[in-house]
Amino acid sequence: MSTFGTVRSLDGTRIAYERFGSGPAVVLVCGAMDDGTENAPLGLELASRFTVYNYARRGRGDSGDVAPYAVRREIEDLAAVIDEAGGSPHVFGACSGGALALEAAAAGVAMNRLVVYDLPYDMGADAEVQHGQYIQRVRALLDEGRRSEAFELSMRAWGSPEESVRRARKHPKWSHLISLAHTLPYDAACMGTTNQPPAERFSRIRVPTLVLNGSASQDHPTMSELRPNFFGEAADAVVACVPSAQRGVVAEGPHVIDAERLKGPVGDFLLDESPARTTM
């Protein structure tokens, strides 16, 4: 049985969450073009061991929004949910939501343990230039009300070939995704100005952290044009700058959350039963 609630962030923005399960608290942080829906199946799997707080980030779902956007406001949103969850819960972050969770940990937001999955940092030599150009182009499209084109641009930036973009337009979830297009710059901002891990900031993290990527994350056609081992390189770079971080690979894990494959490594690490170091 689940209950729904809201908290107020520091700037007054209402942040909506769903709570279910029993046990130690864990907060789920969603990634780009998601309102918590993709994390929900993992939350249900964890609910036998944890009290799960699955929240919609600002501008998504039933959560509010206040302009201008700033990453620090999203950190304050997460801090407000963490307070609601008892003050120092565990945290799980997927994709850009994992980057946000790491930024919150670096800023000193209280959390017990942290797991991040498939961080989308780009370790290529031209990452900063490409990231800056992407942000400019997606903002321009959104300013002109061209939401579909903004999302199509994002798909291409995430490694989608043109055929995948064409198929996506016909997908039943297309209209829902387009309704979230205004949050694309939010996720880009969470990746920083360079789209690479900020080593100095992340060196401040003292939260026990597990950095995961899925071995099958790039097998899906929508990510087929990403550089080989894109998510693995990003995970390695984060582990290199977060003190005492542990590294794991989820065997056959896709980019979109696979609750069955993730529930074991995530739950075990959070409860410190069998911390993962290599492959699960």
C-alpha atoms as a PDB file:
ATOM      1  CA  MET A   1       0.000   0.000   0.000  1.00  0.00           C
ATOM      2  CA  SER A   2       1.376   3.406  -0.934  1.00  0.00           C
ATOM      3  CA  THR A   3       0.702   6.906   0.286  1.00  0.00           C
ATOM      4  CA  PHE A   4       1.187  10.177  -1.559  1.00  0.00           C
ATOM      5  CA  GLY A   5       2.516  13.364  -0.054  1.00  0.00           C
ATOM      6  CA  THR A   6       4.283  16.633  -0.746  1.00  0.00           C
ATOM      7  CA  VAL A   7       7.069  18.622   0.837  1.00  0.00           C
ATOM      8  CA  ARG A   8       8.046  22.248   0.372  1.00  0.00           C
ATOM      9  CA  SER A   9      11.506  22.991  -0.901  1.00  0.00           C
ATOM     10  CA  LEU A  10      13.475  25.961   0.417  1.00  0.00           C
ATOM     11  CA  ASP A  11      12.142  28.242  -2.349  1.00  0.00           C
ATOM     12  CA  GLY A  12       8.554  27.150  -1.653  1.00  0.00           C
ATOM     13  CA  THR A  13       8.242  24.730  -4.572  1.00  0.00           C
ATOM     14  CA  ARG A  14       5.946  21.799  -3.867  1.00  0.00           C
ATOM     15  CA  ILE A  15       7.685  18.446  -4.436  1.00  0.00           C
ATOM     16  CA  ALA A  16       5.434  15.389  -4.761  1.00  0.00           C
ATOM     17  CA  TYR A  17       6.415  11.877  -3.695  1.00  0.00           C
ATOM     18  CA  GLU A  18       5.001   8.392  -3.279  1.00  0.00           C
ATOM     19  CA  ARG A  19       5.924   6.353  -0.188  1.00  0.00           C
ATOM     20  CA  PHE A  20       5.604   2.597   0.167  1.00  0.00           C
ATOM     21  CA  GLY A  21       7.239  -0.392   1.849  1.00  0.00           C
ATOM     22  CA  SER A  22       8.801  -0.773   5.291  1.00  0.00           C
ATOM     23  CA  GLY A  23      12.307  -0.724   6.713  1.00  0.00           C
ATOM     24  CA  PRO A  24      15.193   1.767   6.396  1.00  0.00           C
ATOM     25  CA  ALA A  25      14.315   4.710   4.154  1.00  0.00           C
ATOM     26  CA  VAL A  26      15.623   5.065   0.601  1.00  0.00           C
ATOM     27  CA  VAL A  27      14.948   8.010  -1.705  1.00  0.00           C
ATOM     28  CA  LEU A  28      14.843   7.388  -5.476  1.00  0.00           C
ATOM     29  CA  VAL A  29      16.053  10.155  -7.813  1.00  0.00           C
ATOM     30  CA  CYS A  30      14.923   9.884 -11.442  1.00  0.00           C
ATOM     31  CA  GLY A  31      16.850  10.790 -14.571  1.00  0.00           C
ATOM     32  CA  ALA A  32      16.090  12.768 -17.711  1.00  0.00           C
ATOM     33  CA  MET A  33      12.615  12.744 -19.270  1.00  0.00           C
ATOM     34  CA  ASP A  34      11.208  10.872 -16.287  1.00  0.00           C
ATOM     35  CA  ASP A  35       8.863  11.830 -13.465  1.00  0.00           C
ATOM     36  CA  GLY A  36       9.700   8.854 -11.259  1.00  0.00           C
ATOM     37  CA  THR A  37       7.848   6.321 -13.399  1.00  0.00           C
ATOM     38  CA  GLU A  38      11.001   4.466 -14.461  1.00  0.00           C
ATOM     39  CA  ASN A  39      12.210   4.136 -10.863  1.00  0.00           C
ATOM     40  CA  ALA A  40       8.852   2.865  -9.591  1.00  0.00           C
ATOM     41  CA  PRO A  41       9.395  -0.849 -10.433  1.00  0.00           C
ATOM     42  CA  LEU A  42      12.722  -0.825  -8.576  1.00  0.00           C
ATOM     43  CA  GLY A  43      11.002   0.862  -5.646  1.00  0.00           C
ATOM     44  CA  LEU A  44       8.401  -1.906  -5.545  1.00  0.00           C
ATOM     45  CA  GLU A  45      11.141  -4.543  -5.509  1.00  0.00           C
ATOM     46  CA  LEU A  46      12.944  -2.752  -2.680  1.00  0.00           C
ATOM     47  CA  ALA A  47       9.746  -2.226  -0.675  1.00  0.00           C
ATOM     48  CA  SER A  48      10.073  -5.558   1.153  1.00  0.00           C
ATOM     49  CA  ARG A  49      13.301  -4.291   2.721  1.00  0.00           C
ATOM     50  CA  PHE A  50      12.992  -0.489   2.665  1.00  0.00           C
ATOM     51  CA  THR A  51      10.564   2.376   3.060  1.00  0.00           C
ATOM     52  CA  VAL A  52      10.779   3.865  -0.419  1.00  0.00           C
ATOM     53  CA  TYR A  53      10.311   7.552  -1.266  1.00  0.00           C
ATOM     54  CA  ASN A  54       9.964   7.930  -5.026  1.00  0.00           C
ATOM     55  CA  TYR A  55       9.659  11.624  -5.862  1.00  0.00           C
ATOM     56  CA  ALA A  56       9.018  13.662  -8.973  1.00  0.00           C
ATOM     57  CA  ARG A  57      11.752  16.196  -9.554  1.00  0.00           C
ATOM     58  CA  ARG A  58      10.697  19.827 -10.019  1.00  0.00           C
ATOM     59  CA  GLY A  59       8.818  20.521 -13.228  1.00  0.00           C
ATOM     60  CA  ARG A  60       7.668  16.896 -13.478  1.00  0.00           C
ATOM     61  CA  GLY A  61       4.535  15.031 -12.521  1.00  0.00           C
ATOM     62  CA  ASP A  62       2.686  16.665  -9.643  1.00  0.00           C
ATOM     63  CA  SER A  63       5.724  18.654  -8.489  1.00  0.00           C
ATOM     64  CA  GLY A  64       5.833  22.394  -8.992  1.00  0.00           C
ATOM     65  CA  ASP A  65       8.521  24.601 -10.453  1.00  0.00           C
ATOM     66  CA  VAL A  66       9.950  28.076  -9.920  1.00  0.00           C
ATOM     67  CA  ALA A  67      12.070  30.074 -12.359  1.00  0.00           C
ATOM     68  CA  PRO A  68      14.922  30.580 -12.808  1.00  0.00           C
ATOM     69  CA  TYR A  69      16.210  27.030 -12.602  1.00  0.00           C
ATOM     70  CA  ALA A  70      19.372  26.291 -10.622  1.00  0.00           C
ATOM     71  CA  VAL A  71      20.999  23.001  -9.657  1.00  0.00           C
ATOM     72  CA  ARG A  72      21.170  24.198  -6.066  1.00  0.00           C
ATOM     73  CA  ARG A  73      17.363  24.339  -6.056  1.00  0.00           C
ATOM     74  CA  GLU A  74      17.195  20.705  -7.119  1.00  0.00           C
ATOM     75  CA  ILE A  75      19.653  19.888  -4.348  1.00  0.00           C
ATOM     76  CA  GLU A  76      17.319  21.684  -1.927  1.00  0.00           C
ATOM     77  CA  ASP A  77      14.391  19.656  -3.314  1.00  0.00           C
ATOM     78  CA  LEU A  78      16.223  16.410  -2.620  1.00  0.00           C
ATOM     79  CA  ALA A  79      17.191  17.669   0.842  1.00  0.00           C
ATOM     80  CA  ALA A  80      13.511  18.387   1.588  1.00  0.00           C
ATOM     81  CA  VAL A  81      12.516  14.837   0.618  1.00  0.00           C
ATOM     82  CA  ILE A  82      15.424  13.483   2.672  1.00  0.00           C
ATOM     83  CA  ASP A  83      14.171  15.428   5.698  1.00  0.00           C
ATOM     84  CA  GLU A  84      10.720  13.947   5.155  1.00  0.00           C
ATOM     85  CA  ALA A  85      12.296  10.482   5.011  1.00  0.00           C
ATOM     86  CA  GLY A  86      13.886  10.884   8.429  1.00  0.00           C
ATOM     87  CA  GLY A  87      16.923  13.041   7.852  1.00  0.00           C
ATOM     88  CA  SER A  88      19.607  10.612   6.643  1.00  0.00           C
ATOM     89  CA  PRO A  89      18.132   7.918   4.377  1.00  0.00           C
ATOM     90  CA  HIS A  90      19.823   5.979   1.647  1.00  0.00           C
ATOM     91  CA  VAL A  91      19.668   7.462  -1.876  1.00  0.00           C
ATOM     92  CA  PHE A  92      19.527   5.848  -5.311  1.00  0.00           C
ATOM     93  CA  GLY A  93      19.984   7.966  -8.442  1.00  0.00           C
ATOM     94  CA  ALA A  94      19.601   6.888 -12.067  1.00  0.00           C
ATOM     95  CA  CYS A  95      21.382   8.545 -15.002  1.00  0.00           C
ATOM     96  CA  SER A  96      21.387  12.354 -14.570  1.00  0.00           C
ATOM     97  CA  GLY A  97      19.517  11.808 -11.298  1.00  0.00           C
ATOM     98  CA  GLY A  98      22.646  10.036 -10.111  1.00  0.00           C
ATOM     99  CA  ALA A  99      24.703  13.102 -10.991  1.00  0.00           C
ATOM    100  CA  LEU A 100      22.258  15.237  -9.009  1.00  0.00           C
ATOM    101  CA  ALA A 101      22.544  12.871  -6.034  1.00  0.00           C
ATOM    102  CA  LEU A 102      26.345  13.083  -6.185  1.00  0.00           C
ATOM    103  CA  GLU A 103      26.168  16.885  -6.271  1.00  0.00           C
ATOM    104  CA  ALA A 104      23.888  16.784  -3.215  1.00  0.00           C
ATOM    105  CA  ALA A 105      26.305  14.496  -1.376  1.00  0.00           C
ATOM    106  CA  ALA A 106      29.206  16.815  -2.263  1.00  0.00           C
ATOM    107  CA  ALA A 107      27.174  19.763  -0.941  1.00  0.00           C
ATOM    108  CA  GLY A 108      26.813  18.012   2.418  1.00  0.00           C
ATOM    109  CA  VAL A 109      23.187  16.854   2.171  1.00  0.00           C
ATOM    110  CA  ALA A 110      22.744  14.132   4.780  1.00  0.00           C
ATOM    111  CA  MET A 111      22.413  10.604   3.437  1.00  0.00           C
ATOM    112  CA  ASN A 112      23.429   7.217   4.752  1.00  0.00           C
ATOM    113  CA  ARG A 113      24.524   5.354   1.628  1.00  0.00           C
ATOM    114  CA  LEU A 114      24.362   6.252  -2.056  1.00  0.00           C
ATOM    115  CA  VAL A 115      24.016   4.147  -5.209  1.00  0.00           C
ATOM    116  CA  VAL A 116      24.203   5.695  -8.690  1.00  0.00           C
ATOM    117  CA  TYR A 117      23.498   3.904 -11.967  1.00  0.00           C
ATOM    118  CA  ASP A 118      24.529   4.637 -15.555  1.00  0.00           C
ATOM    119  CA  LEU A 119      25.912   8.122 -15.024  1.00  0.00           C
ATOM    120  CA  PRO A 120      25.903   9.935 -18.412  1.00  0.00           C
ATOM    121  CA  TYR A 121      29.167  11.859 -18.086  1.00  0.00           C
ATOM    122  CA  ASP A 122      31.029  12.098 -21.393  1.00  0.00           C
ATOM    123  CA  MET A 123      34.728  11.308 -21.079  1.00  0.00           C
ATOM    124  CA  GLY A 124      35.478  12.260 -24.705  1.00  0.00           C
ATOM    125  CA  ALA A 125      38.007  14.982 -25.472  1.00  0.00           C
ATOM    126  CA  ASP A 126      35.368  17.284 -26.985  1.00  0.00           C
ATOM    127  CA  ALA A 127      32.745  16.754 -24.269  1.00  0.00           C
ATOM    128  CA  GLU A 128      32.729  20.344 -22.999  1.00  0.00           C
ATOM    129  CA  VAL A 129      32.275  21.861 -26.466  1.00  0.00           C
ATOM    130  CA  GLN A 130      29.535  19.424 -27.446  1.00  0.00           C
ATOM    131  CA  HIS A 131      27.754  19.895 -24.118  1.00  0.00           C
ATOM    132  CA  GLY A 132      27.788  23.683 -24.458  1.00  0.00           C
ATOM    133  CA  GLN A 133      26.455  23.521 -28.007  1.00  0.00           C
ATOM    134  CA  TYR A 134      23.727  21.092 -26.977  1.00  0.00           C
ATOM    135  CA  ILE A 135      22.563  23.347 -24.130  1.00  0.00           C
ATOM    136  CA  GLN A 136      22.386  26.383 -26.428  1.00  0.00           C
ATOM    137  CA  ARG A 137      20.446  24.522 -29.112  1.00  0.00           C
ATOM    138  CA  VAL A 138      17.950  22.821 -26.798  1.00  0.00           C
ATOM    139  CA  ARG A 139      17.218  26.094 -24.974  1.00  0.00           C
ATOM    140  CA  ALA A 140      16.684  27.894 -28.290  1.00  0.00           C
ATOM    141  CA  LEU A 141      14.228  25.238 -29.459  1.00  0.00           C
ATOM    142  CA  LEU A 142      12.317  25.351 -26.190  1.00  0.00           C
ATOM    143  CA  ASP A 143      12.194  29.152 -26.246  1.00  0.00           C
ATOM    144  CA  GLU A 144      10.545  28.869 -29.662  1.00  0.00           C
ATOM    145  CA  GLY A 145       8.029  26.317 -28.376  1.00  0.00           C
ATOM    146  CA  ARG A 146       9.526  23.524 -30.516  1.00  0.00           C
ATOM    147  CA  ARG A 147       9.330  20.877 -27.792  1.00  0.00           C
ATOM    148  CA  SER A 148       9.313  17.836 -30.070  1.00  0.00           C
ATOM    149  CA  GLU A 149      12.416  19.052 -31.887  1.00  0.00           C
ATOM    150  CA  ALA A 150      14.134  19.676 -28.550  1.00  0.00           C
ATOM    151  CA  PHE A 151      13.514  16.094 -27.511  1.00  0.00           C
ATOM    152  CA  GLU A 152      14.628  14.774 -30.896  1.00  0.00           C
ATOM    153  CA  LEU A 153      17.843  16.769 -30.500  1.00  0.00           C
ATOM    154  CA  SER A 154      18.341  15.182 -27.091  1.00  0.00           C
ATOM    155  CA  MET A 155      17.807  11.691 -28.475  1.00  0.00           C
ATOM    156  CA  ARG A 156      20.518  12.273 -31.054  1.00  0.00           C
ATOM    157  CA  ALA A 157      22.834  13.626 -28.357  1.00  0.00           C
ATOM    158  CA  TRP A 158      22.171  10.452 -26.334  1.00  0.00           C
ATOM    159  CA  GLY A 159      23.264   8.229 -29.216  1.00  0.00           C
ATOM    160  CA  SER A 160      20.027   7.569 -31.096  1.00  0.00           C
ATOM    161  CA  PRO A 161      20.244   6.980 -34.862  1.00  0.00           C
ATOM    162  CA  GLU A 162      17.636   8.617 -37.089  1.00  0.00           C
ATOM    163  CA  GLU A 163      15.593   5.425 -37.387  1.00  0.00           C
ATOM    164  CA  SER A 164      15.176   5.313 -33.601  1.00  0.00           C
ATOM    165  CA  VAL A 165      14.066   8.952 -33.590  1.00  0.00           C
ATOM    166  CA  ARG A 166      11.461   8.216 -36.275  1.00  0.00           C
ATOM    167  CA  ARG A 167      10.122   5.204 -34.360  1.00  0.00           C
ATOM    168  CA  ALA A 168       9.972   7.191 -31.126  1.00  0.00           C
ATOM    169  CA  ARG A 169       7.645   9.766 -32.705  1.00  0.00           C
ATOM    170  CA  LYS A 170       5.078   6.991 -33.206  1.00  0.00           C
ATOM    171  CA  HIS A 171       5.407   5.558 -29.701  1.00  0.00           C
ATOM    172  CA  PRO A 172       2.346   5.862 -27.394  1.00  0.00           C
ATOM    173  CA  LYS A 173       4.518   7.565 -24.741  1.00  0.00           C
ATOM    174  CA  TRP A 174       5.724  10.287 -27.115  1.00  0.00           C
ATOM    175  CA  SER A 175       3.223  12.904 -25.927  1.00  0.00           C
ATOM    176  CA  HIS A 176       4.120  12.231 -22.285  1.00  0.00           C
ATOM    177  CA  LEU A 177       7.826  12.615 -23.041  1.00  0.00           C
ATOM    178  CA  ILE A 178       7.213  15.876 -24.880  1.00  0.00           C
ATOM    179  CA  SER A 179       5.334  17.186 -21.824  1.00  0.00           C
ATOM    180  CA  LEU A 180       8.643  16.876 -19.919  1.00  0.00           C
ATOM    181  CA  ALA A 181      10.821  18.478 -22.598  1.00  0.00           C
ATOM    182  CA  HIS A 182      11.161  21.746 -20.653  1.00  0.00           C
ATOM    183  CA  THR A 183      13.230  19.839 -18.060  1.00  0.00           C
ATOM    184  CA  LEU A 184      15.943  18.860 -20.555  1.00  0.00           C
ATOM    185  CA  PRO A 185      18.087  21.899 -19.627  1.00  0.00           C
ATOM    186  CA  TYR A 186      17.681  20.940 -15.967  1.00  0.00           C
ATOM    187  CA  ASP A 187      19.359  17.583 -16.548  1.00  0.00           C
ATOM    188  CA  ALA A 188      22.036  19.193 -18.702  1.00  0.00           C
ATOM    189  CA  ALA A 189      22.790  21.596 -15.848  1.00  0.00           C
ATOM    190  CA  CYS A 190      23.127  18.681 -13.411  1.00  0.00           C
ATOM    191  CA  MET A 191      25.965  17.394 -15.599  1.00  0.00           C
ATOM    192  CA  GLY A 192      27.921  20.606 -15.032  1.00  0.00           C
ATOM    193  CA  THR A 193      29.541  22.890 -17.586  1.00  0.00           C
ATOM    194  CA  THR A 194      31.934  20.232 -18.886  1.00  0.00           C
ATOM    195  CA  ASN A 195      29.695  17.117 -18.749  1.00  0.00           C
ATOM    196  CA  GLN A 196      32.491  15.392 -16.853  1.00  0.00           C
ATOM    197  CA  PRO A 197      32.770  14.580 -13.129  1.00  0.00           C
ATOM    198  CA  PRO A 198      33.876  17.612 -11.078  1.00  0.00           C
ATOM    199  CA  ALA A 199      36.809  15.952  -9.352  1.00  0.00           C
ATOM    200  CA  GLU A 200      37.421  18.645  -6.737  1.00  0.00           C
ATOM    201  CA  ARG A 201      33.764  18.767  -5.619  1.00  0.00           C
ATOM    202  CA  PHE A 202      33.305  15.014  -5.635  1.00  0.00           C
ATOM    203  CA  SER A 203      36.458  14.547  -3.561  1.00  0.00           C
ATOM    204  CA  ARG A 204      34.453  16.034  -0.659  1.00  0.00           C
ATOM    205  CA  ILE A 205      31.928  13.181  -0.675  1.00  0.00           C
ATOM    206  CA  ARG A 206      32.116  11.101   2.495  1.00  0.00           C
ATOM    207  CA  VAL A 207      28.984   9.024   1.905  1.00  0.00           C
ATOM    208  CA  PRO A 208      29.637   5.312   1.191  1.00  0.00           C
ATOM    209  CA  THR A 209      28.950   5.176  -2.544  1.00  0.00           C
ATOM    210  CA  LEU A 210      28.416   2.394  -5.072  1.00  0.00           C
ATOM    211  CA  VAL A 211      28.825   3.367  -8.731  1.00  0.00           C
ATOM    212  CA  LEU A 212      27.098   0.974 -11.139  1.00  0.00           C
ATOM    213  CA  ASN A 213      26.644   0.678 -14.859  1.00  0.00           C
ATOM    214  CA  GLY A 214      24.772  -1.920 -16.872  1.00  0.00           C
ATOM    215  CA  SER A 215      26.776  -4.175 -19.169  1.00  0.00           C
ATOM    216  CA  ALA A 216      23.942  -4.008 -21.739  1.00  0.00           C
ATOM    217  CA  SER A 217      23.208  -0.285 -21.450  1.00  0.00           C
ATOM    218  CA  GLN A 218      24.313   0.447 -25.018  1.00  0.00           C
ATOM    219  CA  ASP A 219      22.780  -2.658 -26.597  1.00  0.00           C
ATOM    220  CA  HIS A 220      19.449  -0.911 -27.167  1.00  0.00           C
ATOM    221  CA  PRO A 221      19.144   0.716 -30.623  1.00  0.00           C
ATOM    222  CA  THR A 222      18.341   4.093 -29.058  1.00  0.00           C
ATOM    223  CA  MET A 223      21.918   4.308 -27.723  1.00  0.00           C
ATOM    224  CA  SER A 224      23.765   2.478 -30.466  1.00  0.00           C
ATOM    225  CA  GLU A 225      25.793   5.500 -31.570  1.00  0.00           C
ATOM    226  CA  LEU A 226      27.349   6.237 -28.195  1.00  0.00           C
ATOM    227  CA  ARG A 227      31.075   5.654 -27.878  1.00  0.00           C
ATOM    228  CA  PRO A 228      31.857   2.045 -26.759  1.00  0.00           C
ATOM    229  CA  ASN A 229      31.875   1.640 -22.957  1.00  0.00           C
ATOM    230  CA  PHE A 230      30.415   5.138 -22.561  1.00  0.00           C
ATOM    231  CA  PHE A 231      28.770   4.437 -19.178  1.00  0.00           C
ATOM    232  CA  GLY A 232      31.657   2.304 -17.955  1.00  0.00           C
ATOM    233  CA  GLU A 233      34.141   5.112 -18.611  1.00  0.00           C
ATOM    234  CA  ALA A 234      31.911   7.562 -16.743  1.00  0.00           C
ATOM    235  CA  ALA A 235      31.599   5.221 -13.773  1.00  0.00           C
ATOM    236  CA  ASP A 236      35.360   4.697 -13.631  1.00  0.00           C
ATOM    237  CA  ALA A 237      35.944   8.462 -13.681  1.00  0.00           C
ATOM    238  CA  VAL A 238      33.532   9.027 -10.790  1.00  0.00           C
ATOM    239  CA  VAL A 239      35.088   6.252  -8.704  1.00  0.00           C
ATOM    240  CA  ALA A 240      38.482   7.875  -9.294  1.00  0.00           C
ATOM    241  CA  CYS A 241      37.403  11.073  -7.543  1.00  0.00           C
ATOM    242  CA  VAL A 242      34.913   9.913  -4.866  1.00  0.00           C
ATOM    243  CA  PRO A 243      36.837   8.709  -1.792  1.00  0.00           C
ATOM    244  CA  SER A 244      36.314   5.019  -1.024  1.00  0.00           C
ATOM    245  CA  ALA A 245      33.677   4.624  -3.746  1.00  0.00           C
ATOM    246  CA  GLN A 246      32.972   1.081  -4.856  1.00  0.00           C
ATOM    247  CA  ARG A 247      32.514   0.019  -8.454  1.00  0.00           C
ATOM    248  CA  GLY A 248      30.060  -2.482  -9.889  1.00  0.00           C
ATOM    249  CA  VAL A 249      28.729  -3.712 -13.225  1.00  0.00           C
ATOM    250  CA  VAL A 250      25.212  -5.119 -13.474  1.00  0.00           C
ATOM    251  CA  ALA A 251      25.429  -8.100 -15.805  1.00  0.00           C
ATOM    252  CA  GLU A 252      23.076  -7.673 -18.778  1.00  0.00           C
ATOM    253  CA  GLY A 253      21.648  -4.547 -17.161  1.00  0.00           C
ATOM    254  CA  PRO A 254      20.033  -2.153 -19.671  1.00  0.00           C
ATOM    255  CA  HIS A 255      20.030   1.622 -19.382  1.00  0.00           C
ATOM    256  CA  VAL A 256      16.321   1.807 -18.539  1.00  0.00           C
ATOM    257  CA  ILE A 257      15.906   0.502 -14.994  1.00  0.00           C
ATOM    258  CA  ASP A 258      15.613  -3.306 -14.806  1.00  0.00           C
ATOM    259  CA  ALA A 259      14.224  -3.826 -11.317  1.00  0.00           C
ATOM    260  CA  GLU A 260      14.952  -7.550 -11.231  1.00  0.00           C
ATOM    261  CA  ARG A 261      18.629  -7.062 -12.033  1.00  0.00           C
ATOM    262  CA  LEU A 262      19.147  -4.024  -9.805  1.00  0.00           C
ATOM    263  CA  LYS A 263      17.241  -4.980  -6.654  1.00  0.00           C
ATOM    264  CA  GLY A 264      19.994  -7.308  -5.409  1.00  0.00           C
ATOM    265  CA  PRO A 265      23.103  -5.146  -5.793  1.00  0.00           C
ATOM    266  CA  VAL A 266      21.285  -1.975  -4.714  1.00  0.00           C
ATOM    267  CA  GLY A 267      19.525  -3.504  -1.718  1.00  0.00           C
ATOM    268  CA  ASP A 268      22.550  -5.462  -0.518  1.00  0.00           C
ATOM    269  CA  PHE A 269      24.862  -2.462  -0.677  1.00  0.00           C
ATOM    270  CA  LEU A 270      22.399  -0.193   1.123  1.00  0.00           C
ATOM    271  CA  LEU A 271      22.017  -2.738   3.897  1.00  0.00           C
ATOM    272  CA  ASP A 272      25.765  -3.505   3.798  1.00  0.00           C
ATOM    273  CA  GLU A 273      25.100  -7.222   3.416  1.00  0.00           C
ATOM    274  CA  SER A 274      27.369  -7.984   0.469  1.00  0.00           C
ATOM    275  CA  PRO A 275      28.902  -4.807  -0.999  1.00  0.00           C
ATOM    276  CA  ALA A 276      29.570  -5.172  -4.719  1.00  0.00           C
ATOM    277  CA  ARG A 277      33.009  -4.457  -6.137  1.00  0.00           C
ATOM    278  CA  THR A 278      33.125  -5.929  -9.624  1.00  0.00           C
ATOM    279  CA  THR A 279      30.293  -7.689 -11.459  1.00  0.00           C
ATOM    280  CA  MET A 280      26.811  -8.646 -10.237  1.00  0.00           C
END
